[in-house]
Amino acid sequence: MKSLHERLKEHTDIEVPYNVWTCFGEKAKIITLAGDQASLGEDYHSLPELRAAIEWYVTELGGKVKWGNNE
């Protein structure tokens, strides 16, 4: 399965698994892509902004994020 950063280049939406989107709400069922931005449920953001938002949640849950070197 291709990751979000790979799909941003292709401009194809991503279906989110049930057990994931139910944690964030009905609007989070599909990651929609537009240009070089993506929406995880509400507004569109750049990859760095999306990563910062996800990292905030991970930190709140007691974890740490290490991003790969894939852009």
N, C-alpha and C. Protein backbone atom coordinates (compact mmCIF):
# COMPACT_ATOMS: atom_id res chain seq x y z
N MET A 1 0.84 -1.18 0.00
CA MET A 1 0.00 0.00 0.00
C MET A 1 0.89 1.24 0.00
N LYS A 2 0.55 2.22 -0.80
CA LYS A 2 1.32 3.45 -0.89
C LYS A 2 0.99 4.36 0.28
N SER A 3 1.97 5.11 0.74
CA SER A 3 1.78 6.02 1.87
C SER A 3 1.22 7.36 1.39
N LEU A 4 0.83 8.19 2.36
CA LEU A 4 0.27 9.50 2.05
C LEU A 4 1.24 10.34 1.25
N HIS A 5 2.51 10.38 1.64
CA HIS A 5 3.44 11.24 0.91
C HIS A 5 3.63 10.77 -0.53
N GLU A 6 3.50 9.48 -0.81
CA GLU A 6 3.57 8.97 -2.18
C GLU A 6 2.31 9.32 -2.96
N ARG A 7 1.16 9.23 -2.29
CA ARG A 7 -0.11 9.53 -2.96
C ARG A 7 -0.28 11.01 -3.24
N LEU A 8 0.35 11.88 -2.41
CA LEU A 8 0.26 13.31 -2.69
C LEU A 8 0.77 13.61 -4.09
N LYS A 9 1.76 12.87 -4.52
CA LYS A 9 2.30 13.06 -5.86
C LYS A 9 1.33 12.58 -6.94
N GLU A 10 0.50 11.61 -6.61
CA GLU A 10 -0.43 11.02 -7.57
C GLU A 10 -1.81 11.67 -7.55
N HIS A 11 -2.13 12.37 -6.48
CA HIS A 11 -3.43 13.02 -6.31
C HIS A 11 -4.59 12.02 -6.26
N THR A 12 -4.38 10.89 -5.55
CA THR A 12 -5.45 9.92 -5.38
C THR A 12 -5.82 9.86 -3.89
N ASP A 13 -7.11 9.92 -3.61
CA ASP A 13 -7.59 9.89 -2.23
C ASP A 13 -7.30 8.53 -1.59
N ILE A 14 -7.29 8.52 -0.26
CA ILE A 14 -6.95 7.32 0.50
C ILE A 14 -8.10 6.99 1.45
N GLU A 15 -8.61 5.75 1.35
CA GLU A 15 -9.62 5.30 2.29
C GLU A 15 -8.95 4.96 3.61
N VAL A 16 -9.54 5.43 4.70
CA VAL A 16 -8.97 5.22 6.03
C VAL A 16 -9.67 4.02 6.66
N PRO A 17 -8.93 3.10 7.28
CA PRO A 17 -9.54 1.94 7.91
C PRO A 17 -10.55 2.35 9.01
N TYR A 18 -11.57 1.56 9.15
CA TYR A 18 -12.65 1.82 10.11
C TYR A 18 -12.11 2.08 11.52
N ASN A 19 -11.18 1.24 11.98
CA ASN A 19 -10.70 1.38 13.35
C ASN A 19 -9.89 2.66 13.55
N VAL A 20 -9.47 3.30 12.47
CA VAL A 20 -8.74 4.56 12.57
C VAL A 20 -9.70 5.74 12.53
N TRP A 21 -10.56 5.80 11.50
CA TRP A 21 -11.40 6.98 11.37
C TRP A 21 -12.42 7.10 12.48
N THR A 22 -12.83 5.99 13.07
CA THR A 22 -13.79 6.09 14.17
C THR A 22 -13.20 6.78 15.40
N CYS A 23 -11.88 6.84 15.48
CA CYS A 23 -11.23 7.59 16.58
C CYS A 23 -11.32 9.09 16.35
N PHE A 24 -11.45 9.51 15.09
CA PHE A 24 -11.38 10.93 14.76
C PHE A 24 -12.68 11.50 14.21
N GLY A 25 -13.63 10.66 13.87
CA GLY A 25 -14.93 11.16 13.42
C GLY A 25 -15.25 10.81 11.98
N GLU A 26 -16.50 10.99 11.65
CA GLU A 26 -17.06 10.66 10.34
C GLU A 26 -16.31 11.31 9.18
N LYS A 27 -15.85 12.55 9.37
CA LYS A 27 -15.17 13.26 8.29
C LYS A 27 -13.79 12.71 8.00
N ALA A 28 -13.29 11.82 8.84
CA ALA A 28 -11.94 11.28 8.68
C ALA A 28 -11.94 9.94 7.94
N LYS A 29 -13.02 9.61 7.24
CA LYS A 29 -13.11 8.33 6.52
C LYS A 29 -12.17 8.26 5.32
N ILE A 30 -11.91 9.41 4.71
CA ILE A 30 -11.07 9.45 3.51
C ILE A 30 -10.08 10.60 3.65
N ILE A 31 -8.83 10.34 3.31
CA ILE A 31 -7.84 11.41 3.23
C ILE A 31 -7.93 11.95 1.81
N THR A 32 -8.38 13.18 1.67
CA THR A 32 -8.52 13.76 0.34
C THR A 32 -7.29 14.60 0.02
N LEU A 33 -6.92 14.58 -1.25
CA LEU A 33 -5.72 15.27 -1.70
C LEU A 33 -6.07 16.36 -2.69
N ALA A 34 -5.35 17.48 -2.60
CA ALA A 34 -5.53 18.60 -3.52
C ALA A 34 -4.19 19.29 -3.67
N GLY A 35 -3.62 19.19 -4.86
CA GLY A 35 -2.31 19.78 -5.08
C GLY A 35 -1.26 19.13 -4.20
N ASP A 36 -0.53 19.94 -3.43
CA ASP A 36 0.50 19.39 -2.55
C ASP A 36 0.03 19.36 -1.10
N GLN A 37 -1.30 19.36 -0.90
CA GLN A 37 -1.86 19.32 0.45
C GLN A 37 -2.84 18.16 0.59
N ALA A 38 -3.10 17.79 1.85
CA ALA A 38 -4.04 16.71 2.14
C ALA A 38 -4.93 17.11 3.30
N SER A 39 -6.10 16.51 3.36
CA SER A 39 -7.03 16.74 4.46
C SER A 39 -7.27 15.43 5.19
N LEU A 40 -7.03 15.43 6.49
CA LEU A 40 -7.30 14.24 7.31
C LEU A 40 -8.72 14.26 7.86
N GLY A 41 -9.52 15.25 7.48
CA GLY A 41 -10.89 15.29 7.94
C GLY A 41 -11.53 16.66 7.87
N GLU A 42 -10.78 17.70 8.08
CA GLU A 42 -11.35 19.05 8.05
C GLU A 42 -10.69 19.90 6.97
N ASP A 43 -9.63 20.59 7.30
CA ASP A 43 -8.96 21.51 6.40
C ASP A 43 -7.79 20.83 5.70
N TYR A 44 -7.27 21.45 4.66
CA TYR A 44 -6.11 20.93 3.93
C TYR A 44 -4.83 21.54 4.50
N HIS A 45 -3.78 20.70 4.58
CA HIS A 45 -2.50 21.14 5.12
C HIS A 45 -1.36 20.51 4.35
N SER A 46 -0.18 21.12 4.46
CA SER A 46 1.02 20.57 3.84
C SER A 46 1.49 19.35 4.62
N LEU A 47 2.39 18.59 4.03
CA LEU A 47 2.94 17.42 4.70
C LEU A 47 3.59 17.77 6.04
N PRO A 48 4.42 18.83 6.12
CA PRO A 48 5.00 19.18 7.43
C PRO A 48 3.94 19.54 8.48
N GLU A 49 2.89 20.24 8.07
CA GLU A 49 1.82 20.58 9.02
C GLU A 49 1.08 19.34 9.49
N LEU A 50 0.82 18.40 8.57
CA LEU A 50 0.13 17.16 8.95
C LEU A 50 1.00 16.34 9.89
N ARG A 51 2.29 16.27 9.61
CA ARG A 51 3.19 15.53 10.48
C ARG A 51 3.23 16.14 11.88
N ALA A 52 3.25 17.47 11.96
CA ALA A 52 3.27 18.15 13.26
C ALA A 52 2.00 17.83 14.05
N ALA A 53 0.85 17.79 13.36
CA ALA A 53 -0.41 17.48 14.04
C ALA A 53 -0.42 16.05 14.56
N ILE A 54 0.04 15.12 13.74
CA ILE A 54 0.09 13.72 14.16
C ILE A 54 1.08 13.54 15.30
N GLU A 55 2.22 14.23 15.21
CA GLU A 55 3.22 14.13 16.27
C GLU A 55 2.67 14.64 17.60
N TRP A 56 1.84 15.67 17.55
CA TRP A 56 1.22 16.19 18.77
C TRP A 56 0.38 15.10 19.44
N TYR A 57 -0.45 14.40 18.66
CA TYR A 57 -1.27 13.31 19.21
C TYR A 57 -0.41 12.20 19.78
N VAL A 58 0.61 11.81 19.06
CA VAL A 58 1.49 10.73 19.52
C VAL A 58 2.15 11.12 20.84
N THR A 59 2.63 12.36 20.92
CA THR A 59 3.26 12.84 22.16
C THR A 59 2.26 12.83 23.31
N GLU A 60 1.04 13.25 23.06
CA GLU A 60 0.00 13.24 24.10
C GLU A 60 -0.28 11.83 24.60
N LEU A 61 -0.11 10.84 23.72
CA LEU A 61 -0.33 9.44 24.09
C LEU A 61 0.92 8.80 24.68
N GLY A 62 1.95 9.61 24.91
CA GLY A 62 3.15 9.11 25.55
C GLY A 62 4.19 8.52 24.61
N GLY A 63 4.03 8.77 23.33
CA GLY A 63 4.97 8.20 22.36
C GLY A 63 5.87 9.24 21.73
N LYS A 64 6.70 8.79 20.82
CA LYS A 64 7.59 9.67 20.07
C LYS A 64 7.48 9.29 18.60
N VAL A 65 7.73 10.27 17.75
CA VAL A 65 7.66 10.05 16.30
C VAL A 65 9.03 10.24 15.70
N LYS A 66 9.41 9.32 14.85
CA LYS A 66 10.62 9.47 14.05
C LYS A 66 10.20 9.32 12.59
N TRP A 67 10.30 10.37 11.84
CA TRP A 67 9.89 10.35 10.45
C TRP A 67 11.02 9.81 9.59
N GLY A 68 10.67 9.05 8.59
CA GLY A 68 11.66 8.52 7.65
C GLY A 68 12.21 9.61 6.76
N ASN A 69 13.21 9.30 6.02
CA ASN A 69 13.82 10.26 5.09
C ASN A 69 13.20 10.17 3.71
N ASN A 70 11.89 10.05 3.65
CA ASN A 70 11.22 9.92 2.36
C ASN A 70 10.44 11.20 2.05
N GLU A 71 11.10 12.28 2.16
CA GLU A 71 10.63 13.64 1.86
C GLU A 71 10.02 14.23 3.04
